[in-house]
Each structure stands twice: as C-alpha cells, then as structure tokens.
C-alpha cells in the first residue's frame, strides 16, 4: 500500500505537466468566422496563424521542459503553476488554422 501511494505521488505531478504542442486538440472555431474573406485575406491570415502557432509551440515546449525539471527537482510542474503553459492558446490557434484551411479549400484558394 505504501508503494502505491509513493507511485501515485510521483505520477500526479507528471500528469500535470504541460502537453506537447502536437498533443493539444484544436478548439472549435465557427466556420462563419471567415465566411466573407477573400483568398488573399485567407492566405495572409493563414501565414499569420502559422507564425503565431510556431511561437506558441516554442513557448509550450519550454514550459514542458521547465515542468519536467521542476518535477524532478521540486516535485512540482513549475511552468504550469506559474502560467507558462499555453495549451489553450495553441488549441485556439489550431482551431483557426483548421477553419482557414477548410475555407481555402471551399473557395478553391489552394489550387492556384
């Protein structure tokens, strides 16, 4: 029983660590958000979202590394506790990226 408590005590902080950016699911974004946009607007927004995702993913990877170090040395996921975890931002960006891509397909913006 004592071993089980120790194992669970070690797993709980690890479970609270920041997720990999790739593991974060996309948030729902209404397709009507980009309904009236032209192909050039969609393409520009897609590029902006890609750059924002890259920055957020880098921040999330740093938070994950800091959480891992924090769990090893302090027993706490320090980045997640201090607000360094940006999984919600990544989810939102992924949702917008998906809707932009779907809008580009629907408007034949990708065939050019």
Protein backbone atom coordinates (compact mmCIF):
# COMPACT_ATOMS: atom_id res chain seq x y z
CA UNK A 1 0.00 0.00 0.00
CA UNK A 2 2.83 2.36 0.86
CA UNK A 3 4.45 1.74 -2.54
CA UNK A 4 1.18 2.53 -4.30
CA UNK A 5 0.92 5.87 -2.50
CA UNK A 6 4.52 6.71 -3.44
CA UNK A 7 3.95 5.77 -7.10
CA UNK A 8 0.73 7.81 -7.27
CA UNK A 9 2.51 10.70 -5.58
CA UNK A 10 5.11 10.64 -8.31
CA UNK A 11 2.63 10.31 -11.18
CA UNK A 12 0.30 13.16 -10.22
CA UNK A 13 2.85 15.96 -10.77
CA UNK A 14 3.95 14.39 -14.06
CA UNK A 15 0.35 14.25 -15.26
CA UNK A 16 0.04 17.97 -14.54
CA UNK A 17 2.95 18.84 -16.84
CA UNK A 18 2.46 20.92 -19.97
CA UNK A 19 1.39 18.90 -23.01
CA UNK A 20 3.40 18.65 -26.20
CA UNK A 21 2.04 21.20 -28.71
CA UNK A 22 1.27 18.35 -31.11
CA UNK A 23 -0.89 16.65 -28.47
CA UNK A 24 -3.14 19.67 -27.90
CA UNK A 25 -6.52 19.27 -29.62
CA UNK A 26 -7.90 22.08 -31.74
CA UNK A 27 -10.60 24.24 -30.19
CA UNK A 28 -13.89 24.71 -32.03
CA UNK A 29 -13.97 27.78 -34.25
CA UNK A 30 -17.13 28.60 -36.18
CA UNK A 31 -16.73 28.26 -39.95
CA UNK A 32 -18.68 31.53 -40.32
CA UNK A 33 -15.70 33.38 -38.81
CA UNK A 34 -14.00 33.56 -42.21
CA UNK A 35 -17.10 33.34 -44.42
CA UNK A 36 -16.71 36.63 -46.31
CA UNK A 37 -12.94 36.57 -46.62
CA UNK A 38 -11.15 36.58 -49.97
CA UNK A 39 -8.42 34.10 -50.89
CA UNK A 40 -5.70 36.69 -50.34
CA UNK A 41 -7.10 37.53 -46.91
CA UNK A 42 -7.33 33.84 -46.01
CA UNK A 43 -3.77 33.22 -47.20
CA UNK A 44 -2.41 36.19 -45.21
CA UNK A 45 -4.29 35.12 -42.08
CA UNK A 46 -3.06 31.55 -42.55
CA UNK A 47 0.53 32.77 -42.63
CA UNK A 48 -0.05 34.93 -39.53
CA UNK A 49 -1.61 31.98 -37.68
CA UNK A 50 1.26 29.69 -38.70
CA UNK A 51 3.79 32.15 -37.26
CA UNK A 52 1.75 32.58 -34.08
CA UNK A 53 1.49 28.80 -33.70
CA UNK A 54 5.26 28.43 -34.12
CA UNK A 55 5.88 30.97 -31.34
CA UNK A 56 3.28 29.38 -29.05
CA UNK A 57 4.66 25.89 -29.70
CA UNK A 58 8.15 27.08 -28.76
CA UNK A 59 6.77 28.58 -25.54
CA UNK A 60 4.86 25.37 -24.80
CA UNK A 61 7.96 23.25 -25.36
CA UNK A 62 9.88 25.49 -22.93
CA UNK A 63 7.06 25.16 -20.39
CA UNK A 64 7.14 21.38 -20.82
CA UNK A 65 10.91 21.29 -20.26
CA UNK A 66 10.61 23.55 -17.21
CA UNK A 67 7.79 21.40 -15.83
CA UNK A 68 9.91 18.28 -16.26
CA UNK A 69 12.85 19.90 -14.46
CA UNK A 70 10.52 21.24 -11.77
CA UNK A 71 9.00 17.83 -11.16
CA UNK A 72 12.44 16.22 -10.96
CA UNK A 73 13.95 18.80 -8.61
CA UNK A 74 10.97 20.22 -6.72
CA UNK A 75 8.16 17.75 -7.28
CA UNK A 76 6.05 20.48 -8.93
CA UNK A 77 5.28 21.42 -12.56
CA UNK A 78 6.56 24.98 -12.17
CA UNK A 79 5.65 26.36 -15.60
CA UNK A 80 2.11 25.04 -15.47
CA UNK A 81 1.67 26.52 -11.99
CA UNK A 82 3.17 29.87 -12.99
CA UNK A 83 1.16 30.36 -16.19
CA UNK A 84 3.79 29.30 -18.72
CA UNK A 85 1.54 26.60 -20.14
CA UNK A 86 -0.12 27.99 -23.30
CA UNK A 87 -2.10 24.90 -24.34
CA UNK A 88 -5.34 26.91 -24.52
CA UNK A 89 -3.71 29.39 -26.92
CA UNK A 90 -2.39 26.50 -29.04
CA UNK A 91 -5.85 24.92 -29.14
CA UNK A 92 -7.36 28.20 -30.31
CA UNK A 93 -4.69 28.71 -32.99
CA UNK A 94 -5.15 25.15 -34.26
CA UNK A 95 -8.92 25.68 -34.48
CA UNK A 96 -8.46 28.85 -36.52
CA UNK A 97 -5.88 27.14 -38.74
CA UNK A 98 -8.34 24.32 -39.48
CA UNK A 99 -11.17 26.71 -40.36
CA UNK A 100 -8.87 28.82 -42.56
CA UNK A 101 -7.75 25.67 -44.39
CA UNK A 102 -11.34 24.48 -44.84
CA UNK A 103 -12.31 27.94 -46.14
CA UNK A 104 -9.39 27.91 -48.58
CA UNK A 105 -10.49 24.52 -49.89
CA UNK A 106 -14.12 25.60 -50.18
CA UNK A 107 -13.13 28.74 -52.15
CA UNK A 108 -10.50 26.92 -54.27
CA UNK A 109 -7.75 29.15 -52.91
CA UNK A 110 -5.23 26.32 -52.81
CA UNK A 111 -5.44 25.38 -56.49
CA UNK A 112 -3.52 28.42 -57.68
